[in-house]
Amino acid sequence: MRAVSRAGLAGLRSDASLSAVLAGVVALIVSVASSIGLLVSAAQDFALDATQTASWLTSSYLAIGLGTLALSWRFRAPVLLAWTTPGLAVIAAVAASGQATFPEVLGASVLSALVMIGLGVTGAFQAVTSRIPPALAGALLAGVLLPFILKTFQALPAAPVPVAGMIAVFLAGRLFFPRWAVPAVLVTGALLSVVTGQVGSLSGGGPGALLLQKPSFEPGTMLALAAPLTILTLASQQLPGVAVLRECGYGRVPVSPLITWTGVASLISAPFGAHTTNLAAITAAIAAGHESHPDPARRWVACISAGVLYVLLALGAGWVLGAVGAIPGPVIAALAGLSLVGTALSSLSTALHDESWREAAFVTLVVTASGVTFLGIGSAVWGLLAGGALAWTGRRLLR
């Protein structure tokens, strides 16, 4: 066991690079800043006290951080976990409307976790995703990423100096120092935000906390919450997360164990307040993309970096909550968008390379990028269905 541990540490040292570590930092910043405000808003609507809110954040970050470390170490691949942002939006809407109590939300999270474990253990999720053609998977990922890249330019009016500076540095970096373009963007955004006085003030804070809370298993409410929570997590997080791994060259990583262990992480953390843990999609593309490291075999270090930082943030969750408003939203949006350009280009190349799949891939891309939600189902699923239907119909007619 010690020999295995020493071999693992030696591999980590040999694969470590500054660019990969910084990619993990960027992925974490984008993830943390993107939806923590939604969590705080929901906690306020549920009338949670400071300890309950800190426990929600602490348990979520521990599940994400420890799960990321374990899976990335096990498979030597950039397996990054996250919480379900669409699911959090559902929870926030329920909190604002008063349709359920927080214990009922925890009960729904437990049920959703059990469903996820079942899908992973039985191999049902992998059986479905393995049948998705590469062209459609690439188009799906490009469609998921495109709105985030467009937000870079939409952020210009709100913070013209920092965002314009970030774009300029990124373009110069792609020409002259491509490996360091994204880290340079991060530094530029931080410096220009300080110079222009757009960094907010820190307030409040304290260490993390873990408070065991009793879930409520009222059948009607639990099922009504668990169904959208599970479907949204599968469609908008797990499916794109698998697409990221495949498109970035990690098809060797088995899908079923990943789905199983995200369910286990969710099940363990739910009684402490955490909502669903799942595969990351957008931030995973930052860690697993070319900007992390030119060699795919060395990109897993980015997730080790992110996992360690998540655990540290869990220990200081109270301070994290106090710092929510300090980072300018437009700067985070620009950082996320610019970090995803390389992965989006690679996905587009895969999607449009095979002429026989080109129209179906394009339909998948535009429907996914539209962000449309219909019948409670997100655009990623509708994009795959539309592109798949077009491809299937075309092949049937041309026989």
Protein backbone atom coordinates (compact mmCIF):
# COMPACT_ATOMS: atom_id res chain seq x y z
CA MET A 1 0.00 0.00 0.00
CA ARG A 2 2.85 2.36 0.85
CA ALA A 3 4.55 1.51 -2.43
CA VAL A 4 1.37 2.38 -4.32
CA SER A 5 1.12 5.64 -2.39
CA ARG A 6 4.75 6.53 -3.12
CA ALA A 7 4.24 5.69 -6.80
CA GLY A 8 1.17 7.89 -6.88
CA LEU A 9 2.96 10.83 -5.27
CA ALA A 10 5.89 10.38 -7.63
CA GLY A 11 3.47 10.43 -10.57
CA LEU A 12 1.85 13.58 -9.23
CA ARG A 13 5.22 15.31 -8.93
CA SER A 14 6.28 14.28 -12.43
CA ASP A 15 2.95 15.30 -14.01
CA ALA A 16 2.57 18.57 -12.11
CA SER A 17 2.85 21.83 -14.03
CA LEU A 18 2.09 25.44 -13.24
CA SER A 19 -0.39 25.69 -16.12
CA ALA A 20 -2.40 22.70 -14.86
CA VAL A 21 -2.43 23.99 -11.28
CA LEU A 22 -3.62 27.39 -12.50
CA ALA A 23 -6.29 25.74 -14.67
CA GLY A 24 -7.61 24.12 -11.49
CA VAL A 25 -7.61 27.51 -9.77
CA VAL A 26 -9.51 29.11 -12.67
CA ALA A 27 -12.03 26.26 -12.72
CA LEU A 28 -12.63 26.66 -9.00
CA ILE A 29 -13.03 30.44 -9.17
CA VAL A 30 -15.53 30.18 -12.01
CA SER A 31 -17.46 27.42 -10.25
CA VAL A 32 -17.57 29.10 -6.85
CA ALA A 33 -18.51 32.53 -8.15
CA SER A 34 -21.11 31.38 -10.66
CA SER A 35 -23.96 30.27 -8.41
CA ILE A 36 -23.08 30.72 -4.74
CA GLY A 37 -25.34 33.79 -4.69
CA LEU A 38 -28.24 31.50 -5.55
CA LEU A 39 -27.41 29.31 -2.56
CA VAL A 40 -27.31 32.32 -0.23
CA SER A 41 -30.64 33.56 -1.57
CA ALA A 42 -32.27 30.15 -1.09
CA ALA A 43 -30.87 29.87 2.44
CA GLN A 44 -32.38 33.25 3.31
CA ASP A 45 -35.77 32.25 1.89
CA PHE A 46 -35.67 29.01 3.91
CA ALA A 47 -34.85 31.15 6.99
CA LEU A 48 -31.70 29.11 7.70
CA ASP A 49 -29.39 30.44 10.36
CA ALA A 50 -25.68 31.10 9.81
CA THR A 51 -24.65 27.62 11.01
CA GLN A 52 -27.16 25.83 8.76
CA THR A 53 -26.05 27.89 5.74
CA ALA A 54 -22.38 27.26 6.50
CA SER A 55 -23.13 23.53 6.84
CA TRP A 56 -24.84 23.53 3.43
CA LEU A 57 -21.77 25.10 1.83
CA THR A 58 -19.23 23.08 3.85
CA SER A 59 -20.83 19.72 3.06
CA SER A 60 -21.20 20.63 -0.64
CA TYR A 61 -17.56 21.68 -0.98
CA LEU A 62 -16.31 18.62 0.92
CA ALA A 63 -18.35 16.28 -1.33
CA ILE A 64 -17.03 18.06 -4.44
CA GLY A 65 -13.43 18.36 -3.25
CA LEU A 66 -12.95 14.87 -1.83
CA GLY A 67 -14.84 13.27 -4.74
CA THR A 68 -12.72 15.17 -7.27
CA LEU A 69 -9.50 14.14 -5.53
CA ALA A 70 -10.49 10.48 -5.25
CA LEU A 71 -11.76 10.04 -8.83
CA SER A 72 -8.99 12.05 -10.49
CA TRP A 73 -6.36 10.12 -8.52
CA ARG A 74 -8.01 6.77 -9.27
CA PHE A 75 -8.34 7.27 -13.04
CA ARG A 76 -5.43 9.71 -13.60
CA ALA A 77 -7.83 11.89 -15.54
CA PRO A 78 -9.31 15.36 -14.93
CA VAL A 79 -12.56 14.23 -13.28
CA LEU A 80 -14.00 17.38 -11.76
CA LEU A 81 -17.18 17.34 -9.68
CA ALA A 82 -19.56 20.22 -9.01
CA TRP A 83 -22.96 20.85 -7.56
CA THR A 84 -26.03 20.92 -9.80
CA THR A 85 -26.64 24.57 -10.68
CA PRO A 86 -29.98 23.89 -12.46
CA GLY A 87 -31.04 21.81 -9.45
CA LEU A 88 -30.03 24.66 -7.17
CA ALA A 89 -32.19 26.98 -9.26
CA VAL A 90 -35.16 24.65 -8.69
CA ILE A 91 -34.43 24.62 -4.95
CA ALA A 92 -34.17 28.42 -4.89
CA ALA A 93 -37.51 28.73 -6.71
CA VAL A 94 -39.13 26.34 -4.22
CA ALA A 95 -37.65 28.33 -1.34
CA ALA A 96 -38.92 31.64 -2.72
CA SER A 97 -42.44 30.26 -3.30
CA GLY A 98 -42.66 28.43 0.02
CA GLN A 99 -43.72 25.19 -1.71
CA ALA A 100 -41.46 23.01 0.47
CA THR A 101 -39.40 23.14 3.64
CA PHE A 102 -35.63 22.69 3.75
CA PRO A 103 -35.92 19.21 5.37
CA GLU A 104 -38.17 18.18 2.45
CA VAL A 105 -35.50 19.40 0.02
CA LEU A 106 -32.97 17.23 1.85
CA GLY A 107 -35.30 14.24 1.53
CA ALA A 108 -35.59 14.86 -2.21
CA SER A 109 -31.79 15.08 -2.45
CA VAL A 110 -31.49 11.67 -0.74
CA LEU A 111 -33.96 10.11 -3.21
CA SER A 112 -32.18 11.70 -6.19
CA ALA A 113 -28.86 10.34 -4.91
CA LEU A 114 -30.28 6.82 -4.66
CA VAL A 115 -31.56 7.03 -8.26
CA MET A 116 -28.13 8.19 -9.42
CA ILE A 117 -26.43 5.29 -7.63
CA GLY A 118 -28.86 2.88 -9.29
CA LEU A 119 -28.13 4.30 -12.76
CA GLY A 120 -24.41 3.94 -12.14
CA VAL A 121 -24.41 0.46 -10.58
CA THR A 122 -26.65 -1.03 -13.27
CA GLY A 123 -24.70 0.60 -16.11
CA ALA A 124 -27.91 2.13 -17.49
CA PHE A 125 -26.42 5.61 -17.85
CA GLN A 126 -23.32 4.36 -19.68
CA ALA A 127 -25.43 2.15 -21.96
CA VAL A 128 -27.33 5.21 -23.17
CA THR A 129 -24.42 7.66 -23.46
CA SER A 130 -22.16 5.18 -25.28
CA ARG A 131 -24.61 5.18 -28.19
CA ILE A 132 -24.24 8.93 -28.83
CA PRO A 133 -22.24 9.49 -32.07
CA PRO A 134 -19.00 11.52 -31.65
CA ALA A 135 -20.25 14.27 -33.98
CA LEU A 136 -23.38 14.82 -31.87
CA ALA A 137 -21.39 14.63 -28.63
CA GLY A 138 -19.03 17.29 -29.94
CA ALA A 139 -21.94 19.46 -31.05
CA LEU A 140 -23.60 19.00 -27.66
CA LEU A 141 -20.50 20.19 -25.84
CA ALA A 142 -19.98 23.13 -28.23
CA GLY A 143 -23.61 24.13 -27.74
CA VAL A 144 -23.25 24.01 -23.97
CA LEU A 145 -20.07 26.13 -24.06
CA LEU A 146 -21.06 28.72 -26.69
CA PRO A 147 -23.41 30.80 -24.46
CA PHE A 148 -20.66 31.14 -21.87
CA ILE A 149 -18.19 32.39 -24.50
CA LEU A 150 -20.74 34.92 -25.77
CA LYS A 151 -21.18 36.23 -22.21
CA THR A 152 -17.58 37.45 -22.38
CA PHE A 153 -18.63 40.14 -24.85
CA GLN A 154 -21.98 40.73 -23.16
CA ALA A 155 -20.01 41.62 -20.02
CA LEU A 156 -18.16 44.48 -21.74
CA PRO A 157 -20.69 47.27 -20.98
CA ALA A 158 -20.78 46.42 -17.27
CA ALA A 159 -17.00 46.37 -16.80
CA PRO A 160 -15.41 47.77 -19.97
CA VAL A 161 -11.85 48.25 -18.73
CA PRO A 162 -11.26 44.85 -17.02
CA VAL A 163 -13.13 42.82 -19.66
CA ALA A 164 -11.57 44.62 -22.64
CA GLY A 165 -8.14 44.15 -21.08
CA MET A 166 -8.83 40.45 -20.56
CA ILE A 167 -9.92 39.99 -24.17
CA ALA A 168 -6.85 41.81 -25.47
CA VAL A 169 -4.49 39.75 -23.32
CA PHE A 170 -6.24 36.54 -24.37
CA LEU A 171 -5.90 37.31 -28.08
CA ALA A 172 -2.24 38.24 -27.66
CA GLY A 173 -1.70 35.14 -25.57
CA ARG A 174 -3.20 32.82 -28.19
CA LEU A 175 -0.68 34.20 -30.67
CA PHE A 176 2.48 34.46 -28.58
CA PHE A 177 2.09 32.36 -25.39
CA PRO A 178 -0.92 30.03 -25.86
CA ARG A 179 -0.14 27.85 -22.85
CA TRP A 180 -0.27 30.85 -20.53
CA ALA A 181 -3.08 32.79 -22.16
CA VAL A 182 -5.76 31.90 -19.60
CA PRO A 183 -3.57 32.44 -16.50
CA ALA A 184 -2.59 35.82 -17.98
CA VAL A 185 -6.29 36.63 -18.40
CA LEU A 186 -6.91 35.75 -14.74
CA VAL A 187 -4.12 38.06 -13.54
CA THR A 188 -5.21 40.87 -15.88
CA GLY A 189 -8.83 40.68 -14.73
CA ALA A 190 -7.83 40.76 -11.07
CA LEU A 191 -5.45 43.71 -11.47
CA LEU A 192 -7.78 45.81 -13.61
CA SER A 193 -10.70 45.13 -11.25
CA VAL A 194 -8.64 46.48 -8.36
CA VAL A 195 -7.40 49.48 -10.37
CA THR A 196 -10.93 50.43 -11.46
CA GLY A 197 -12.35 49.93 -7.97
CA GLN A 198 -14.79 47.22 -8.99
CA VAL A 199 -13.83 44.72 -6.31
CA GLY A 200 -16.45 44.67 -3.58
CA SER A 201 -15.78 44.73 0.15
CA LEU A 202 -15.49 41.61 2.29
CA SER A 203 -18.07 41.19 5.04
CA GLY A 204 -18.74 38.73 7.85
CA GLY A 205 -17.24 35.25 7.83
CA GLY A 206 -16.11 32.34 9.95
CA PRO A 207 -14.93 28.73 9.66
CA GLY A 208 -16.90 25.93 8.05
CA ALA A 209 -19.45 23.87 9.97
CA LEU A 210 -21.13 20.48 9.68
CA LEU A 211 -24.59 20.30 11.22
CA LEU A 212 -26.51 17.04 10.94
CA GLN A 213 -30.05 17.86 9.83
CA LYS A 214 -32.96 15.44 9.60
CA PRO A 215 -34.41 15.06 6.09
CA SER A 216 -38.18 14.88 5.72
CA PHE A 217 -39.55 12.08 3.56
CA GLU A 218 -43.06 13.38 2.92
CA PRO A 219 -43.87 11.34 -0.23
CA GLY A 220 -45.69 13.88 -2.39
CA THR A 221 -43.31 16.79 -1.90
CA MET A 222 -40.22 14.58 -2.01
CA LEU A 223 -41.19 13.03 -5.36
CA ALA A 224 -42.22 16.38 -6.83
CA LEU A 225 -38.78 17.77 -6.00
CA ALA A 226 -36.67 14.68 -6.66
CA ALA A 227 -37.96 14.19 -10.23
CA PRO A 228 -36.88 17.59 -11.65
CA LEU A 229 -33.71 17.54 -9.53
CA THR A 230 -32.66 14.17 -10.98
CA ILE A 231 -33.68 14.90 -14.58
CA LEU A 232 -31.97 18.30 -14.61
CA THR A 233 -28.81 16.85 -13.10
CA LEU A 234 -28.67 14.05 -15.66
CA ALA A 235 -29.47 16.24 -18.66
CA SER A 236 -27.55 19.42 -17.90
CA GLN A 237 -24.64 18.16 -15.76
CA GLN A 238 -23.92 14.43 -16.04
CA LEU A 239 -24.44 14.15 -19.79
CA PRO A 240 -22.35 17.23 -20.73
CA GLY A 241 -19.77 16.16 -18.12
CA VAL A 242 -19.31 12.83 -19.89
CA ALA A 243 -19.15 14.66 -23.24
CA VAL A 244 -16.31 16.84 -21.91
CA LEU A 245 -14.27 13.81 -20.88
CA ARG A 246 -14.77 12.10 -24.24
CA GLU A 247 -14.08 15.17 -26.35
CA CYS A 248 -10.93 15.98 -24.39
CA GLY A 249 -9.51 12.48 -24.95
CA TYR A 250 -10.58 10.55 -21.86
CA GLY A 251 -12.86 7.95 -23.40
CA ARG A 252 -10.97 5.29 -21.45
CA VAL A 253 -12.50 6.50 -18.18
CA PRO A 254 -15.51 4.28 -17.34
CA VAL A 255 -18.69 6.27 -16.92
CA SER A 256 -20.62 4.02 -14.53
CA PRO A 257 -18.24 4.40 -11.54
CA LEU A 258 -18.30 8.18 -11.96
CA ILE A 259 -22.10 8.30 -11.88
CA THR A 260 -22.19 5.86 -8.95
CA TRP A 261 -19.76 7.85 -6.84
CA THR A 262 -21.43 11.18 -7.51
CA GLY A 263 -24.58 9.54 -6.14
CA VAL A 264 -22.67 8.25 -3.10
CA ALA A 265 -21.21 11.71 -2.47
CA SER A 266 -24.69 13.23 -2.69
CA LEU A 267 -26.15 10.61 -0.35
CA ILE A 268 -23.50 11.15 2.34
CA SER A 269 -23.58 14.95 2.20
CA ALA A 270 -27.35 15.49 1.96
CA PRO A 271 -28.08 15.09 5.71
CA PHE A 272 -25.65 17.96 6.33
CA GLY A 273 -27.52 20.26 3.94
CA ALA A 274 -25.82 19.67 0.58
CA HIS A 275 -27.81 19.38 -2.61
CA THR A 276 -26.82 17.08 -5.48
CA THR A 277 -23.16 16.52 -6.41
CA ASN A 278 -22.45 15.59 -10.04
CA LEU A 279 -19.88 15.72 -12.83
CA ALA A 280 -18.83 19.25 -13.71
CA ALA A 281 -19.41 20.36 -17.29
CA ILE A 282 -18.30 23.95 -17.94
CA THR A 283 -15.53 24.03 -15.38
CA ALA A 284 -14.45 20.50 -16.33
CA ALA A 285 -13.77 21.80 -19.83
CA ILE A 286 -11.39 24.35 -18.29
CA ALA A 287 -9.47 21.68 -16.38
CA ALA A 288 -9.48 19.07 -19.16
CA GLY A 289 -8.80 21.37 -22.11
CA HIS A 290 -5.59 22.11 -23.99
CA GLU A 291 -4.91 25.25 -21.94
CA SER A 292 -4.44 23.08 -18.85
CA HIS A 293 -1.51 21.23 -20.47
CA PRO A 294 -0.65 20.17 -24.03
CA ASP A 295 -0.27 16.58 -22.84
CA PRO A 296 -3.66 15.06 -21.89
CA ALA A 297 -1.91 12.61 -19.54
CA ARG A 298 -0.84 15.52 -17.32
CA ARG A 299 -4.12 17.44 -17.09
CA TRP A 300 -5.43 15.44 -14.12
CA VAL A 301 -3.23 17.63 -11.92
CA ALA A 302 -5.65 20.51 -12.57
CA CYS A 303 -8.37 18.59 -10.73
CA ILE A 304 -6.02 17.69 -7.89
CA SER A 305 -5.39 21.43 -7.54
CA ALA A 306 -9.13 22.22 -7.64
CA GLY A 307 -9.98 19.38 -5.22
CA VAL A 308 -7.49 20.57 -2.61
CA LEU A 309 -8.79 24.13 -2.90
CA TYR A 310 -12.40 22.96 -2.52
CA VAL A 311 -11.49 21.19 0.73
CA LEU A 312 -9.76 24.34 1.98
CA LEU A 313 -12.80 26.43 1.06
CA ALA A 314 -14.99 23.96 2.95
CA LEU A 315 -12.92 24.58 6.06
CA GLY A 316 -13.49 28.33 5.66
CA ALA A 317 -17.03 28.23 4.28
CA GLY A 318 -18.20 31.06 6.51
CA TRP A 319 -15.54 33.36 5.11
CA VAL A 320 -16.44 32.28 1.57
CA LEU A 321 -20.04 33.32 2.23
CA GLY A 322 -18.77 36.68 3.45
CA ALA A 323 -16.80 37.22 0.27
CA VAL A 324 -19.61 36.42 -2.19
CA GLY A 325 -20.05 39.98 -3.36
CA ALA A 326 -16.38 40.87 -3.68
CA ILE A 327 -15.69 39.43 -7.14
CA PRO A 328 -17.19 41.41 -10.02
CA GLY A 329 -19.71 39.30 -11.91
CA PRO A 330 -18.70 40.54 -15.39
CA VAL A 331 -15.05 39.63 -14.72
CA ILE A 332 -16.01 36.08 -13.72
CA ALA A 333 -18.21 35.77 -16.82
CA ALA A 334 -15.34 36.90 -19.05
CA LEU A 335 -12.87 34.58 -17.33
CA ALA A 336 -15.18 31.60 -17.82
CA GLY A 337 -15.88 32.39 -21.46
CA LEU A 338 -12.27 32.95 -22.48
CA SER A 339 -11.16 29.81 -20.62
CA LEU A 340 -13.53 27.72 -22.74
CA VAL A 341 -12.57 28.93 -26.22
CA GLY A 342 -10.00 26.18 -26.88
CA THR A 343 -12.32 23.37 -25.84
CA ALA A 344 -15.20 24.83 -27.86
CA LEU A 345 -13.01 24.99 -30.99
CA SER A 346 -11.98 21.35 -30.53
CA SER A 347 -15.60 20.29 -30.07
CA LEU A 348 -16.69 22.20 -33.17
CA SER A 349 -13.97 20.48 -35.18
CA THR A 350 -15.25 17.07 -34.04
CA ALA A 351 -18.87 18.02 -34.68
CA LEU A 352 -18.37 19.31 -38.23
CA HIS A 353 -15.54 17.09 -39.45
CA ASP A 354 -17.70 14.25 -40.83
CA GLU A 355 -19.80 15.70 -43.66
CA SER A 356 -22.45 12.98 -43.33
CA TRP A 357 -23.18 14.12 -39.76
CA ARG A 358 -22.68 17.87 -40.34
CA GLU A 359 -26.31 19.01 -40.56
CA ALA A 360 -27.43 16.86 -37.63
CA ALA A 361 -24.50 18.15 -35.57
CA PHE A 362 -25.36 21.75 -36.46
CA VAL A 363 -28.97 21.24 -35.36
CA THR A 364 -27.74 19.72 -32.09
CA LEU A 365 -25.41 22.67 -31.56
CA VAL A 366 -27.95 25.46 -32.16
CA VAL A 367 -30.77 23.83 -30.18
CA THR A 368 -28.41 23.18 -27.25
CA ALA A 369 -26.96 26.69 -27.40
CA SER A 370 -30.47 28.20 -27.44
CA GLY A 371 -30.95 27.27 -23.80
CA VAL A 372 -34.58 26.37 -24.44
CA THR A 373 -36.44 24.46 -21.72
CA PHE A 374 -39.66 22.69 -22.68
CA LEU A 375 -41.77 20.30 -20.61
CA GLY A 376 -39.19 20.71 -17.86
CA ILE A 377 -36.43 19.27 -20.09
CA GLY A 378 -33.30 21.28 -20.83
CA SER A 379 -31.78 22.23 -24.17
CA ALA A 380 -28.99 19.62 -24.03
CA VAL A 381 -31.51 16.78 -24.27
CA TRP A 382 -33.62 18.56 -26.90
CA GLY A 383 -30.48 19.24 -28.93
CA LEU A 384 -29.49 15.58 -28.93
CA LEU A 385 -33.05 14.50 -29.77
CA ALA A 386 -33.33 17.00 -32.64
CA GLY A 387 -29.95 16.15 -34.12
CA GLY A 388 -30.45 12.43 -33.64
CA ALA A 389 -33.91 12.54 -35.22
CA LEU A 390 -32.56 14.41 -38.26
CA ALA A 391 -29.69 11.94 -38.70
CA TRP A 392 -31.96 8.90 -38.27
CA THR A 393 -34.58 10.26 -40.70
CA GLY A 394 -31.94 11.14 -43.30
CA ARG A 395 -30.40 7.68 -43.17
CA ARG A 396 -33.80 5.98 -43.41
CA LEU A 397 -34.80 8.03 -46.46
CA LEU A 398 -31.48 7.54 -48.24
CA ARG A 399 -31.49 3.75 -47.93
